[in-house]
Amino acid sequence: MTTQPIVVWAEIPVKDLKTSISFYDSVFGYRTEIDSSAPFAVLNGSTAGVGANLFQSDDTGTRGNVIHFAVDGTCEAAADRVRSAGGQVLGEAVEIPAGRFIMALDLDGNQIGLFQPHAA
């Protein structure tokens, strides 16, 4: 049996970032701040479990949340596997402090992230 990809990140599209931060902070006790580099905010909860962020989008309620999966090898190799399996790759790799990711669509149009963590 091979190791299954694990969920490493979730993204929640919201129309009003500040209002949504207030909602999630009130409900879960987070201390969330808007990231200065982009219209998103990392939800600051426990370090255990899967991380998540809110991102500003006009496309809320119709596209759902975005789940990021850790991949074996490079995110480019995972993107090639997406294409081979009939999915669609949405762009080039994006570099972030924790690693790199590429966005893709599965066969039903669900958006997923292909995450390659930096080597430890």
PDB file of N, CA and C in Angstrom:
ATOM      1  N   MET A   1       0.844  -1.180   0.000  1.00  0.00           N
ATOM      2  CA  MET A   1       0.000   0.000   0.000  1.00  0.00           C
ATOM      3  C   MET A   1       0.886   1.239   0.000  1.00  0.00           C
ATOM      4  N   THR A   2       0.556   2.201  -0.825  1.00  0.00           N
ATOM      5  CA  THR A   2       1.328   3.442  -0.877  1.00  0.00           C
ATOM      6  C   THR A   2       0.754   4.461   0.094  1.00  0.00           C
ATOM      7  N   THR A   3       1.564   5.422   0.445  1.00  0.00           N
ATOM      8  CA  THR A   3       1.108   6.503   1.309  1.00  0.00           C
ATOM      9  C   THR A   3       0.162   7.400   0.529  1.00  0.00           C
ATOM     10  N   GLN A   4      -0.946   7.738   1.127  1.00  0.00           N
ATOM     11  CA  GLN A   4      -1.934   8.601   0.487  1.00  0.00           C
ATOM     12  C   GLN A   4      -1.540  10.064   0.643  1.00  0.00           C
ATOM     13  N   PRO A   5      -1.829  10.893  -0.365  1.00  0.00           N
ATOM     14  CA  PRO A   5      -1.578  12.329  -0.206  1.00  0.00           C
ATOM     15  C   PRO A   5      -2.406  12.866   0.963  1.00  0.00           C
ATOM     16  N   ILE A   6      -1.810  13.742   1.734  1.00  0.00           N
ATOM     17  CA  ILE A   6      -2.546  14.307   2.861  1.00  0.00           C
ATOM     18  C   ILE A   6      -2.980  15.727   2.546  1.00  0.00           C
ATOM     19  N   VAL A   7      -4.079  16.119   3.148  1.00  0.00           N
ATOM     20  CA  VAL A   7      -4.548  17.492   3.021  1.00  0.00           C
ATOM     21  C   VAL A   7      -3.645  18.351   3.891  1.00  0.00           C
ATOM     22  N   VAL A   8      -3.098  19.420   3.301  1.00  0.00           N
ATOM     23  CA  VAL A   8      -2.185  20.284   4.043  1.00  0.00           C
ATOM     24  C   VAL A   8      -2.704  21.707   4.204  1.00  0.00           C
ATOM     25  N   TRP A   9      -3.721  22.073   3.430  1.00  0.00           N
ATOM     26  CA  TRP A   9      -4.165  23.460   3.450  1.00  0.00           C
ATOM     27  C   TRP A   9      -5.581  23.554   2.907  1.00  0.00           C
ATOM     28  N   ALA A  10      -6.378  24.464   3.429  1.00  0.00           N
ATOM     29  CA  ALA A  10      -7.721  24.724   2.911  1.00  0.00           C
ATOM     30  C   ALA A  10      -7.879  26.227   2.715  1.00  0.00           C
ATOM     31  N   GLU A  11      -8.583  26.618   1.667  1.00  0.00           N
ATOM     32  CA  GLU A  11      -8.849  28.031   1.393  1.00  0.00           C
ATOM     33  C   GLU A  11     -10.351  28.251   1.290  1.00  0.00           C
ATOM     34  N   ILE A  12     -10.817  29.325   1.913  1.00  0.00           N
ATOM     35  CA  ILE A  12     -12.238  29.644   1.931  1.00  0.00           C
ATOM     36  C   ILE A  12     -12.445  30.972   1.215  1.00  0.00           C
ATOM     37  N   PRO A  13     -13.175  30.975   0.085  1.00  0.00           N
ATOM     38  CA  PRO A  13     -13.419  32.235  -0.618  1.00  0.00           C
ATOM     39  C   PRO A  13     -14.467  33.067   0.124  1.00  0.00           C
ATOM     40  N   VAL A  14     -14.189  34.360   0.297  1.00  0.00           N
ATOM     41  CA  VAL A  14     -15.114  35.264   0.989  1.00  0.00           C
ATOM     42  C   VAL A  14     -15.239  36.567   0.205  1.00  0.00           C
ATOM     43  N   LYS A  15     -16.409  37.206   0.303  1.00  0.00           N
ATOM     44  CA  LYS A  15     -16.628  38.471  -0.412  1.00  0.00           C
ATOM     45  C   LYS A  15     -16.015  39.652   0.322  1.00  0.00           C
ATOM     46  N   ASP A  16     -16.147  39.665   1.642  1.00  0.00           N
ATOM     47  CA  ASP A  16     -15.644  40.780   2.448  1.00  0.00           C
ATOM     48  C   ASP A  16     -14.650  40.226   3.461  1.00  0.00           C
ATOM     49  N   LEU A  17     -13.382  40.432   3.208  1.00  0.00           N
ATOM     50  CA  LEU A  17     -12.328  39.838   4.021  1.00  0.00           C
ATOM     51  C   LEU A  17     -12.411  40.277   5.483  1.00  0.00           C
ATOM     52  N   LYS A  18     -12.576  41.572   5.732  1.00  0.00           N
ATOM     53  CA  LYS A  18     -12.603  42.068   7.113  1.00  0.00           C
ATOM     54  C   LYS A  18     -13.789  41.510   7.897  1.00  0.00           C
ATOM     55  N   THR A  19     -14.965  41.483   7.278  1.00  0.00           N
ATOM     56  CA  THR A  19     -16.153  40.943   7.937  1.00  0.00           C
ATOM     57  C   THR A  19     -15.987  39.454   8.213  1.00  0.00           C
ATOM     58  N   SER A  20     -15.419  38.735   7.256  1.00  0.00           N
ATOM     59  CA  SER A  20     -15.226  37.295   7.427  1.00  0.00           C
ATOM     60  C   SER A  20     -14.180  36.990   8.488  1.00  0.00           C
ATOM     61  N   ILE A  21     -13.133  37.812   8.558  1.00  0.00           N
ATOM     62  CA  ILE A  21     -12.143  37.642   9.622  1.00  0.00           C
ATOM     63  C   ILE A  21     -12.824  37.786  10.973  1.00  0.00           C
ATOM     64  N   SER A  22     -13.652  38.791  11.119  1.00  0.00           N
ATOM     65  CA  SER A  22     -14.373  39.003  12.370  1.00  0.00           C
ATOM     66  C   SER A  22     -15.237  37.786  12.714  1.00  0.00           C
ATOM     67  N   PHE A  23     -15.916  37.232  11.709  1.00  0.00           N
ATOM     68  CA  PHE A  23     -16.757  36.053  11.915  1.00  0.00           C
ATOM     69  C   PHE A  23     -15.923  34.874  12.423  1.00  0.00           C
ATOM     70  N   TYR A  24     -14.874  34.517  11.707  1.00  0.00           N
ATOM     71  CA  TYR A  24     -14.068  33.351  12.083  1.00  0.00           C
ATOM     72  C   TYR A  24     -13.337  33.567  13.403  1.00  0.00           C
ATOM     73  N   ASP A  25     -12.866  34.789  13.657  1.00  0.00           N
ATOM     74  CA  ASP A  25     -12.231  35.088  14.940  1.00  0.00           C
ATOM     75  C   ASP A  25     -13.234  34.923  16.080  1.00  0.00           C
ATOM     76  N   SER A  26     -14.466  35.408  15.880  1.00  0.00           N
ATOM     77  CA  SER A  26     -15.502  35.310  16.913  1.00  0.00           C
ATOM     78  C   SER A  26     -15.916  33.866  17.169  1.00  0.00           C
ATOM     79  N   VAL A  27     -16.080  33.101  16.106  1.00  0.00           N
ATOM     80  CA  VAL A  27     -16.546  31.723  16.249  1.00  0.00           C
ATOM     81  C   VAL A  27     -15.469  30.808  16.830  1.00  0.00           C
ATOM     82  N   PHE A  28     -14.220  30.950  16.364  1.00  0.00           N
ATOM     83  CA  PHE A  28     -13.173  30.000  16.731  1.00  0.00           C
ATOM     84  C   PHE A  28     -12.076  30.560  17.633  1.00  0.00           C
ATOM     85  N   GLY A  29     -12.136  31.849  17.959  1.00  0.00           N
ATOM     86  CA  GLY A  29     -11.128  32.437  18.831  1.00  0.00           C
ATOM     87  C   GLY A  29      -9.798  32.713  18.155  1.00  0.00           C
ATOM     88  N   TYR A  30      -9.798  32.826  16.824  1.00  0.00           N
ATOM     89  CA  TYR A  30      -8.568  33.135  16.094  1.00  0.00           C
ATOM     90  C   TYR A  30      -8.158  34.588  16.331  1.00  0.00           C
ATOM     91  N   ARG A  31      -6.913  34.897  15.996  1.00  0.00           N
ATOM     92  CA  ARG A  31      -6.388  36.259  15.991  1.00  0.00           C
ATOM     93  C   ARG A  31      -5.842  36.500  14.585  1.00  0.00           C
ATOM     94  N   THR A  32      -6.713  36.734  13.657  1.00  0.00           N
ATOM     95  CA  THR A  32      -6.368  36.762  12.240  1.00  0.00           C
ATOM     96  C   THR A  32      -6.067  38.175  11.762  1.00  0.00           C
ATOM     97  N   GLU A  33      -5.051  38.295  10.917  1.00  0.00           N
ATOM     98  CA  GLU A  33      -4.701  39.576  10.306  1.00  0.00           C
ATOM     99  C   GLU A  33      -4.602  39.401   8.800  1.00  0.00           C
ATOM    100  N   ILE A  34      -4.900  40.465   8.070  1.00  0.00           N
ATOM    101  CA  ILE A  34      -4.785  40.437   6.610  1.00  0.00           C
ATOM    102  C   ILE A  34      -3.312  40.431   6.231  1.00  0.00           C
ATOM    103  N   ASP A  35      -2.954  39.560   5.302  1.00  0.00           N
ATOM    104  CA  ASP A  35      -1.588  39.498   4.784  1.00  0.00           C
ATOM    105  C   ASP A  35      -1.352  40.725   3.912  1.00  0.00           C
ATOM    106  N   SER A  36      -0.239  41.397   4.092  1.00  0.00           N
ATOM    107  CA  SER A  36       0.027  42.628   3.341  1.00  0.00           C
ATOM    108  C   SER A  36       0.399  42.369   1.887  1.00  0.00           C
ATOM    109  N   SER A  37       0.748  41.119   1.542  1.00  0.00           N
ATOM    110  CA  SER A  37       1.186  40.833   0.175  1.00  0.00           C
ATOM    111  C   SER A  37       0.052  40.467  -0.772  1.00  0.00           C
ATOM    112  N   ALA A  38      -1.124  40.166  -0.251  1.00  0.00           N
ATOM    113  CA  ALA A  38      -2.242  39.741  -1.104  1.00  0.00           C
ATOM    114  C   ALA A  38      -3.548  39.873  -0.333  1.00  0.00           C
ATOM    115  N   PRO A  39      -4.686  39.822  -1.037  1.00  0.00           N
ATOM    116  CA  PRO A  39      -5.971  39.919  -0.330  1.00  0.00           C
ATOM    117  C   PRO A  39      -6.370  38.582   0.300  1.00  0.00           C
ATOM    118  N   PHE A  40      -5.608  38.143   1.316  1.00  0.00           N
ATOM    119  CA  PHE A  40      -5.980  36.941   2.046  1.00  0.00           C
ATOM    120  C   PHE A  40      -5.510  37.053   3.484  1.00  0.00           C
ATOM    121  N   ALA A  41      -6.018  36.161   4.324  1.00  0.00           N
ATOM    122  CA  ALA A  41      -5.653  36.157   5.733  1.00  0.00           C
ATOM    123  C   ALA A  41      -5.552  34.722   6.213  1.00  0.00           C
ATOM    124  N   VAL A  42      -4.451  34.386   6.876  1.00  0.00           N
ATOM    125  CA  VAL A  42      -4.263  33.051   7.438  1.00  0.00           C
ATOM    126  C   VAL A  42      -5.005  32.989   8.764  1.00  0.00           C
ATOM    127  N   LEU A  43      -5.808  31.939   8.936  1.00  0.00           N
ATOM    128  CA  LEU A  43      -6.534  31.748  10.189  1.00  0.00           C
ATOM    129  C   LEU A  43      -5.545  31.247  11.231  1.00  0.00           C
ATOM    130  N   ASN A  44      -5.355  32.013  12.297  1.00  0.00           N
ATOM    131  CA  ASN A  44      -4.342  31.716  13.313  1.00  0.00           C
ATOM    132  C   ASN A  44      -4.945  30.961  14.479  1.00  0.00           C
ATOM    133  N   GLY A  45      -5.020  29.646  14.334  1.00  0.00           N
ATOM    134  CA  GLY A  45      -5.512  28.802  15.412  1.00  0.00           C
ATOM    135  C   GLY A  45      -4.392  27.943  15.944  1.00  0.00           C
ATOM    136  N   SER A  46      -4.732  26.774  16.393  1.00  0.00           N
ATOM    137  CA  SER A  46      -3.759  25.806  16.887  1.00  0.00           C
ATOM    138  C   SER A  46      -2.820  25.387  15.770  1.00  0.00           C
ATOM    139  N   THR A  47      -1.625  24.977  16.128  1.00  0.00           N
ATOM    140  CA  THR A  47      -0.691  24.483  15.118  1.00  0.00           C
ATOM    141  C   THR A  47      -0.969  23.029  14.764  1.00  0.00           C
ATOM    142  N   ALA A  48      -1.875  22.376  15.468  1.00  0.00           N
ATOM    143  CA  ALA A  48      -2.240  20.998  15.150  1.00  0.00           C
ATOM    144  C   ALA A  48      -3.309  20.999  14.062  1.00  0.00           C
ATOM    145  N   GLY A  49      -3.252  20.040  13.176  1.00  0.00           N
ATOM    146  CA  GLY A  49      -4.280  19.909  12.152  1.00  0.00           C
ATOM    147  C   GLY A  49      -3.927  20.633  10.873  1.00  0.00           C
ATOM    148  N   VAL A  50      -4.917  20.824  10.041  1.00  0.00           N
ATOM    149  CA  VAL A  50      -4.753  21.421   8.715  1.00  0.00           C
ATOM    150  C   VAL A  50      -4.873  22.932   8.812  1.00  0.00           C
ATOM    151  N   GLY A  51      -3.965  23.662   8.155  1.00  0.00           N
ATOM    152  CA  GLY A  51      -4.021  25.116   8.125  1.00  0.00           C
ATOM    153  C   GLY A  51      -5.080  25.604   7.145  1.00  0.00           C
ATOM    154  N   ALA A  52      -5.492  26.854   7.291  1.00  0.00           N
ATOM    155  CA  ALA A  52      -6.501  27.416   6.390  1.00  0.00           C
ATOM    156  C   ALA A  52      -6.339  28.919   6.280  1.00  0.00           C
ATOM    157  N   ASN A  53      -6.863  29.466   5.186  1.00  0.00           N
ATOM    158  CA  ASN A  53      -6.907  30.912   5.055  1.00  0.00           C
ATOM    159  C   ASN A  53      -8.194  31.336   4.372  1.00  0.00           C
ATOM    160  N   LEU A  54      -8.511  32.610   4.532  1.00  0.00           N
ATOM    161  CA  LEU A  54      -9.624  33.248   3.828  1.00  0.00           C
ATOM    162  C   LEU A  54      -9.018  34.031   2.684  1.00  0.00           C
ATOM    163  N   PHE A  55      -9.678  34.020   1.510  1.00  0.00           N
ATOM    164  CA  PHE A  55      -9.203  34.869   0.428  1.00  0.00           C
ATOM    165  C   PHE A  55     -10.374  35.566  -0.223  1.00  0.00           C
ATOM    166  N   GLN A  56     -10.146  36.828  -0.573  1.00  0.00           N
ATOM    167  CA  GLN A  56     -11.198  37.651  -1.149  1.00  0.00           C
ATOM    168  C   GLN A  56     -11.483  37.210  -2.575  1.00  0.00           C
ATOM    169  N   SER A  57     -12.785  37.019  -2.885  1.00  0.00           N
ATOM    170  CA  SER A  57     -13.184  36.538  -4.203  1.00  0.00           C
ATOM    171  C   SER A  57     -14.619  36.951  -4.485  1.00  0.00           C
ATOM    172  N   ASP A  58     -14.901  37.266  -5.738  1.00  0.00           N
ATOM    173  CA  ASP A  58     -16.283  37.515  -6.142  1.00  0.00           C
ATOM    174  C   ASP A  58     -17.007  36.212  -6.437  1.00  0.00           C
ATOM    175  N   ASP A  59     -16.270  35.109  -6.486  1.00  0.00           N
ATOM    176  CA  ASP A  59     -16.801  33.807  -6.857  1.00  0.00           C
ATOM    177  C   ASP A  59     -17.014  32.952  -5.610  1.00  0.00           C
ATOM    178  N   THR A  60     -17.845  33.433  -4.682  1.00  0.00           N
ATOM    179  CA  THR A  60     -18.090  32.688  -3.449  1.00  0.00           C
ATOM    180  C   THR A  60     -19.410  31.943  -3.547  1.00  0.00           C
ATOM    181  N   GLY A  61     -19.530  30.885  -2.805  1.00  0.00           N
ATOM    182  CA  GLY A  61     -20.782  30.151  -2.755  1.00  0.00           C
ATOM    183  C   GLY A  61     -21.043  29.263  -3.957  1.00  0.00           C
ATOM    184  N   THR A  62     -20.323  29.465  -5.049  1.00  0.00           N
ATOM    185  CA  THR A  62     -20.553  28.642  -6.233  1.00  0.00           C
ATOM    186  C   THR A  62     -19.391  27.713  -6.515  1.00  0.00           C
ATOM    187  N   ARG A  63     -18.209  28.058  -6.061  1.00  0.00           N
ATOM    188  CA  ARG A  63     -17.061  27.218  -6.389  1.00  0.00           C
ATOM    189  C   ARG A  63     -16.567  26.384  -5.229  1.00  0.00           C
ATOM    190  N   GLY A  64     -16.934  26.712  -4.025  1.00  0.00           N
ATOM    191  CA  GLY A  64     -16.521  25.924  -2.874  1.00  0.00           C
ATOM    192  C   GLY A  64     -15.121  26.244  -2.392  1.00  0.00           C
ATOM    193  N   ASN A  65     -14.714  25.511  -1.375  1.00  0.00           N
ATOM    194  CA  ASN A  65     -13.400  25.696  -0.782  1.00  0.00           C
ATOM    195  C   ASN A  65     -12.338  25.025  -1.638  1.00  0.00           C
ATOM    196  N   VAL A  66     -11.106  25.445  -1.474  1.00  0.00           N
ATOM    197  CA  VAL A  66      -9.981  24.861  -2.200  1.00  0.00           C
ATOM    198  C   VAL A  66      -9.165  24.036  -1.211  1.00  0.00           C
ATOM    199  N   ILE A  67      -8.917  22.781  -1.562  1.00  0.00           N
ATOM    200  CA  ILE A  67      -8.131  21.888  -0.722  1.00  0.00           C
ATOM    201  C   ILE A  67      -6.767  21.686  -1.377  1.00  0.00           C
ATOM    202  N   HIS A  68      -5.708  21.805  -0.598  1.00  0.00           N
ATOM    203  CA  HIS A  68      -4.344  21.592  -1.090  1.00  0.00           C
ATOM    204  C   HIS A  68      -3.835  20.247  -0.568  1.00  0.00           C
ATOM    205  N   PHE A  69      -3.284  19.433  -1.470  1.00  0.00           N
ATOM    206  CA  PHE A  69      -2.755  18.122  -1.122  1.00  0.00           C
ATOM    207  C   PHE A  69      -1.234  18.127  -1.217  1.00  0.00           C
ATOM    208  N   ALA A  70      -0.559  17.507  -0.240  1.00  0.00           N
ATOM    209  CA  ALA A  70       0.884  17.296  -0.338  1.00  0.00           C
ATOM    210  C   ALA A  70       1.121  16.262  -1.427  1.00  0.00           C
ATOM    211  N   VAL A  71       2.138  16.475  -2.260  1.00  0.00           N
ATOM    212  CA  VAL A  71       2.418  15.564  -3.368  1.00  0.00           C
ATOM    213  C   VAL A  71       3.792  14.933  -3.199  1.00  0.00           C
ATOM    214  N   ASP A  72       3.938  13.725  -3.747  1.00  0.00           N
ATOM    215  CA  ASP A  72       5.255  13.093  -3.813  1.00  0.00           C
ATOM    216  C   ASP A  72       6.016  13.730  -4.957  1.00  0.00           C
ATOM    217  N   GLY A  73       7.288  14.042  -4.755  1.00  0.00           N
ATOM    218  CA  GLY A  73       8.086  14.654  -5.810  1.00  0.00           C
ATOM    219  C   GLY A  73       7.743  16.122  -5.969  1.00  0.00           C
ATOM    220  N   THR A  74       7.892  16.618  -7.180  1.00  0.00           N
ATOM    221  CA  THR A  74       7.667  18.042  -7.439  1.00  0.00           C
ATOM    222  C   THR A  74       6.208  18.320  -7.772  1.00  0.00           C
ATOM    223  N   CYS A  75       5.812  19.569  -7.580  1.00  0.00           N
ATOM    224  CA  CYS A  75       4.446  19.935  -7.961  1.00  0.00           C
ATOM    225  C   CYS A  75       4.284  19.882  -9.484  1.00  0.00           C
ATOM    226  N   GLU A  76       5.368  20.095 -10.231  1.00  0.00           N
ATOM    227  CA  GLU A  76       5.304  19.979 -11.697  1.00  0.00           C
ATOM    228  C   GLU A  76       5.011  18.537 -12.117  1.00  0.00           C
ATOM    229  N   ALA A  77       5.636  17.570 -11.437  1.00  0.00           N
ATOM    230  CA  ALA A  77       5.370  16.157 -11.743  1.00  0.00           C
ATOM    231  C   ALA A  77       3.918  15.813 -11.421  1.00  0.00           C
ATOM    232  N   ALA A  78       3.411  16.352 -10.313  1.00  0.00           N
ATOM    233  CA  ALA A  78       2.004  16.127  -9.964  1.00  0.00           C
ATOM    234  C   ALA A  78       1.089  16.771 -11.000  1.00  0.00           C
ATOM    235  N   ALA A  79       1.465  17.953 -11.498  1.00  0.00           N
ATOM    236  CA  ALA A  79       0.674  18.622 -12.541  1.00  0.00           C
ATOM    237  C   ALA A  79       0.636  17.770 -13.810  1.00  0.00           C
ATOM    238  N   ASP A  80       1.756  17.146 -14.146  1.00  0.00           N
ATOM    239  CA  ASP A  80       1.782  16.235 -15.301  1.00  0.00           C
ATOM    240  C   ASP A  80       0.821  15.068 -15.092  1.00  0.00           C
ATOM    241  N   ARG A  81       0.753  14.553 -13.859  1.00  0.00           N
ATOM    242  CA  ARG A  81      -0.171  13.451 -13.562  1.00  0.00           C
ATOM    243  C   ARG A  81      -1.617  13.915 -13.672  1.00  0.00           C
ATOM    244  N   VAL A  82      -1.891  15.160 -13.265  1.00  0.00           N
ATOM    245  CA  VAL A  82      -3.242  15.717 -13.417  1.00  0.00           C
ATOM    246  C   VAL A  82      -3.631  15.730 -14.888  1.00  0.00           C
ATOM    247  N   ARG A  83      -2.755  16.246 -15.729  1.00  0.00           N
ATOM    248  CA  ARG A  83      -3.030  16.300 -17.175  1.00  0.00           C
ATOM    249  C   ARG A  83      -3.257  14.899 -17.743  1.00  0.00           C
ATOM    250  N   SER A  84      -2.402  13.963 -17.373  1.00  0.00           N
ATOM    251  CA  SER A  84      -2.508  12.589 -17.877  1.00  0.00           C
ATOM    252  C   SER A  84      -3.811  11.920 -17.457  1.00  0.00           C
ATOM    253  N   ALA A  85      -4.318  12.298 -16.292  1.00  0.00           N
ATOM    254  CA  ALA A  85      -5.556  11.707 -15.783  1.00  0.00           C
ATOM    255  C   ALA A  85      -6.800  12.429 -16.289  1.00  0.00           C
ATOM    256  N   GLY A  86      -6.626  13.482 -17.105  1.00  0.00           N
ATOM    257  CA  GLY A  86      -7.771  14.185 -17.678  1.00  0.00           C
ATOM    258  C   GLY A  86      -8.148  15.477 -16.997  1.00  0.00           C
ATOM    259  N   GLY A  87      -7.380  15.895 -15.987  1.00  0.00           N
ATOM    260  CA  GLY A  87      -7.645  17.159 -15.313  1.00  0.00           C
ATOM    261  C   GLY A  87      -6.986  18.316 -16.036  1.00  0.00           C
ATOM    262  N   GLN A  88      -7.103  19.498 -15.450  1.00  0.00           N
ATOM    263  CA  GLN A  88      -6.565  20.711 -16.071  1.00  0.00           C
ATOM    264  C   GLN A  88      -5.656  21.428 -15.084  1.00  0.00           C
ATOM    265  N   VAL A  89      -4.504  21.859 -15.546  1.00  0.00           N
ATOM    266  CA  VAL A  89      -3.567  22.634 -14.728  1.00  0.00           C
ATOM    267  C   VAL A  89      -3.824  24.109 -15.005  1.00  0.00           C
ATOM    268  N   LEU A  90      -3.898  24.915 -13.939  1.00  0.00           N
ATOM    269  CA  LEU A  90      -4.325  26.312 -14.068  1.00  0.00           C
ATOM    270  C   LEU A  90      -3.198  27.325 -14.148  1.00  0.00           C
ATOM    271  N   GLY A  91      -1.973  26.907 -14.049  1.00  0.00           N
ATOM    272  CA  GLY A  91      -0.888  27.885 -14.124  1.00  0.00           C
ATOM    273  C   GLY A  91       0.430  27.274 -13.718  1.00  0.00           C
ATOM    274  N   GLU A  92       1.386  28.148 -13.493  1.00  0.00           N
ATOM    275  CA  GLU A  92       2.737  27.747 -13.107  1.00  0.00           C
ATOM    276  C   GLU A  92       2.832  27.619 -11.587  1.00  0.00           C
ATOM    277  N   ALA A  93       3.942  27.072 -11.123  1.00  0.00           N
ATOM    278  CA  ALA A  93       4.184  26.929  -9.690  1.00  0.00           C
ATOM    279  C   ALA A  93       4.300  28.302  -9.030  1.00  0.00           C
ATOM    280  N   VAL A  94       3.739  28.397  -7.838  1.00  0.00           N
ATOM    281  CA  VAL A  94       3.806  29.610  -7.023  1.00  0.00           C
ATOM    282  C   VAL A  94       4.681  29.295  -5.815  1.00  0.00           C
ATOM    283  N   GLU A  95       5.663  30.139  -5.571  1.00  0.00           N
ATOM    284  CA  GLU A  95       6.586  29.965  -4.447  1.00  0.00           C
ATOM    285  C   GLU A  95       6.014  30.677  -3.227  1.00  0.00           C
ATOM    286  N   ILE A  96       5.948  29.975  -2.090  1.00  0.00           N
ATOM    287  CA  ILE A  96       5.530  30.561  -0.819  1.00  0.00           C
ATOM    288  C   ILE A  96       6.563  30.153   0.231  1.00  0.00           C
ATOM    289  N   PRO A  97       6.557  30.763   1.417  1.00  0.00           N
ATOM    290  CA  PRO A  97       7.574  30.418   2.409  1.00  0.00           C
ATOM    291  C   PRO A  97       7.637  28.923   2.752  1.00  0.00           C
ATOM    292  N   ALA A  98       6.512  28.242   2.764  1.00  0.00           N
ATOM    293  CA  ALA A  98       6.490  26.828   3.161  1.00  0.00           C
ATOM    294  C   ALA A  98       6.840  25.865   2.036  1.00  0.00           C
ATOM    295  N   GLY A  99       6.822  26.334   0.788  1.00  0.00           N
ATOM    296  CA  GLY A  99       7.089  25.440  -0.342  1.00  0.00           C
ATOM    297  C   GLY A  99       6.612  26.036  -1.649  1.00  0.00           C
ATOM    298  N   ARG A 100       6.031  25.180  -2.495  1.00  0.00           N
ATOM    299  CA  ARG A 100       5.543  25.611  -3.811  1.00  0.00           C
ATOM    300  C   ARG A 100       4.228  24.890  -4.080  1.00  0.00           C
ATOM    301  N   PHE A 101       3.361  25.515  -4.887  1.00  0.00           N
ATOM    302  CA  PHE A 101       2.126  24.835  -5.259  1.00  0.00           C
ATOM    303  C   PHE A 101       1.703  25.224  -6.661  1.00  0.00           C
ATOM    304  N   ILE A 102       0.914  24.342  -7.261  1.00  0.00           N
ATOM    305  CA  ILE A 102       0.284  24.589  -8.561  1.00  0.00           C
ATOM    306  C   ILE A 102      -1.199  24.298  -8.387  1.00  0.00           C
ATOM    307  N   MET A 103      -2.037  25.154  -8.938  1.00  0.00           N
ATOM    308  CA  MET A 103      -3.481  24.947  -8.879  1.00  0.00           C
ATOM    309  C   MET A 103      -3.925  24.115 -10.079  1.00  0.00           C
ATOM    310  N   ALA A 104      -4.949  23.279  -9.857  1.00  0.00           N
ATOM    311  CA  ALA A 104      -5.456  22.400 -10.911  1.00  0.00           C
ATOM    312  C   ALA A 104      -6.955  22.201 -10.721  1.00  0.00           C
ATOM    313  N   LEU A 105      -7.598  21.648 -11.750  1.00  0.00           N
ATOM    314  CA  LEU A 105      -9.007  21.262 -11.682  1.00  0.00           C
ATOM    315  C   LEU A 105      -9.103  19.756 -11.843  1.00  0.00           C
ATOM    316  N   ASP A 106      -9.973  19.130 -11.037  1.00  0.00           N
ATOM    317  CA  ASP A 106     -10.209  17.705 -11.218  1.00  0.00           C
ATOM    318  C   ASP A 106     -11.225  17.501 -12.341  1.00  0.00           C
ATOM    319  N   LEU A 107     -11.676  16.279 -12.538  1.00  0.00           N
ATOM    320  CA  LEU A 107     -12.587  15.967 -13.644  1.00  0.00           C
ATOM    321  C   LEU A 107     -13.939  16.653 -13.523  1.00  0.00           C
ATOM    322  N   ASP A 108     -14.318  17.044 -12.294  1.00  0.00           N
ATOM    323  CA  ASP A 108     -15.601  17.707 -12.074  1.00  0.00           C
ATOM    324  C   ASP A 108     -15.478  19.210 -11.939  1.00  0.00           C
ATOM    325  N   GLY A 109     -14.296  19.752 -12.190  1.00  0.00           N
ATOM    326  CA  GLY A 109     -14.092  21.190 -12.103  1.00  0.00           C
ATOM    327  C   GLY A 109     -13.783  21.697 -10.714  1.00  0.00           C
ATOM    328  N   ASN A 110     -13.557  20.799  -9.752  1.00  0.00           N
ATOM    329  CA  ASN A 110     -13.172  21.217  -8.409  1.00  0.00           C
ATOM    330  C   ASN A 110     -11.718  21.664  -8.423  1.00  0.00           C
ATOM    331  N   GLN A 111     -11.459  22.822  -7.816  1.00  0.00           N
ATOM    332  CA  GLN A 111     -10.096  23.339  -7.779  1.00  0.00           C
ATOM    333  C   GLN A 111      -9.339  22.691  -6.631  1.00  0.00           C
ATOM    334  N   ILE A 112      -8.114  22.220  -6.917  1.00  0.00           N
ATOM    335  CA  ILE A 112      -7.257  21.622  -5.899  1.00  0.00           C
ATOM    336  C   ILE A 112      -5.860  22.220  -6.015  1.00  0.00           C
ATOM    337  N   GLY A 113      -5.135  22.208  -4.910  1.00  0.00           N
ATOM    338  CA  GLY A 113      -3.748  22.650  -4.912  1.00  0.00           C
ATOM    339  C   GLY A 113      -2.828  21.449  -4.813  1.00  0.00           C
ATOM    340  N   LEU A 114      -1.738  21.492  -5.556  1.00  0.00           N
ATOM    341  CA  LEU A 114      -0.714  20.446  -5.543  1.00  0.00           C
ATOM    342  C   LEU A 114       0.497  21.030  -4.827  1.00  0.00           C
ATOM    343  N   PHE A 115       0.673  20.695  -3.546  1.00  0.00           N
ATOM    344  CA  PHE A 115       1.655  21.354  -2.687  1.00  0.00           C
ATOM    345  C   PHE A 115       2.920  20.528  -2.530  1.00  0.00           C
ATOM    346  N   GLN A 116       4.048  21.164  -2.785  1.00  0.00           N
ATOM    347  CA  GLN A 116       5.380  20.569  -2.611  1.00  0.00           C
ATOM    348  C   GLN A 116       6.073  21.331  -1.491  1.00  0.00           C
ATOM    349  N   PRO A 117       6.185  20.729  -0.287  1.00  0.00           N
ATOM    350  CA  PRO A 117       6.855  21.442   0.800  1.00  0.00           C
ATOM    351  C   PRO A 117       8.352  21.556   0.538  1.00  0.00           C
ATOM    352  N   HIS A 118       8.960  22.597   1.114  1.00  0.00           N
ATOM    353  CA  HIS A 118      10.417  22.710   1.043  1.00  0.00           C
ATOM    354  C   HIS A 118      11.038  21.543   1.798  1.00  0.00           C
ATOM    355  N   ALA A 119      12.178  21.069   1.337  1.00  0.00           N
ATOM    356  CA  ALA A 119      12.884  19.981   2.015  1.00  0.00           C
ATOM    357  C   ALA A 119      13.293  20.433   3.409  1.00  0.00           C
ATOM    358  N   ALA A 120      13.175  19.525   4.352  1.00  0.00           N
ATOM    359  CA  ALA A 120      13.499  19.861   5.749  1.00  0.00           C
ATOM    360  C   ALA A 120      14.989  19.911   5.979  1.00  0.00           C
TER     361      ALA A 120
END
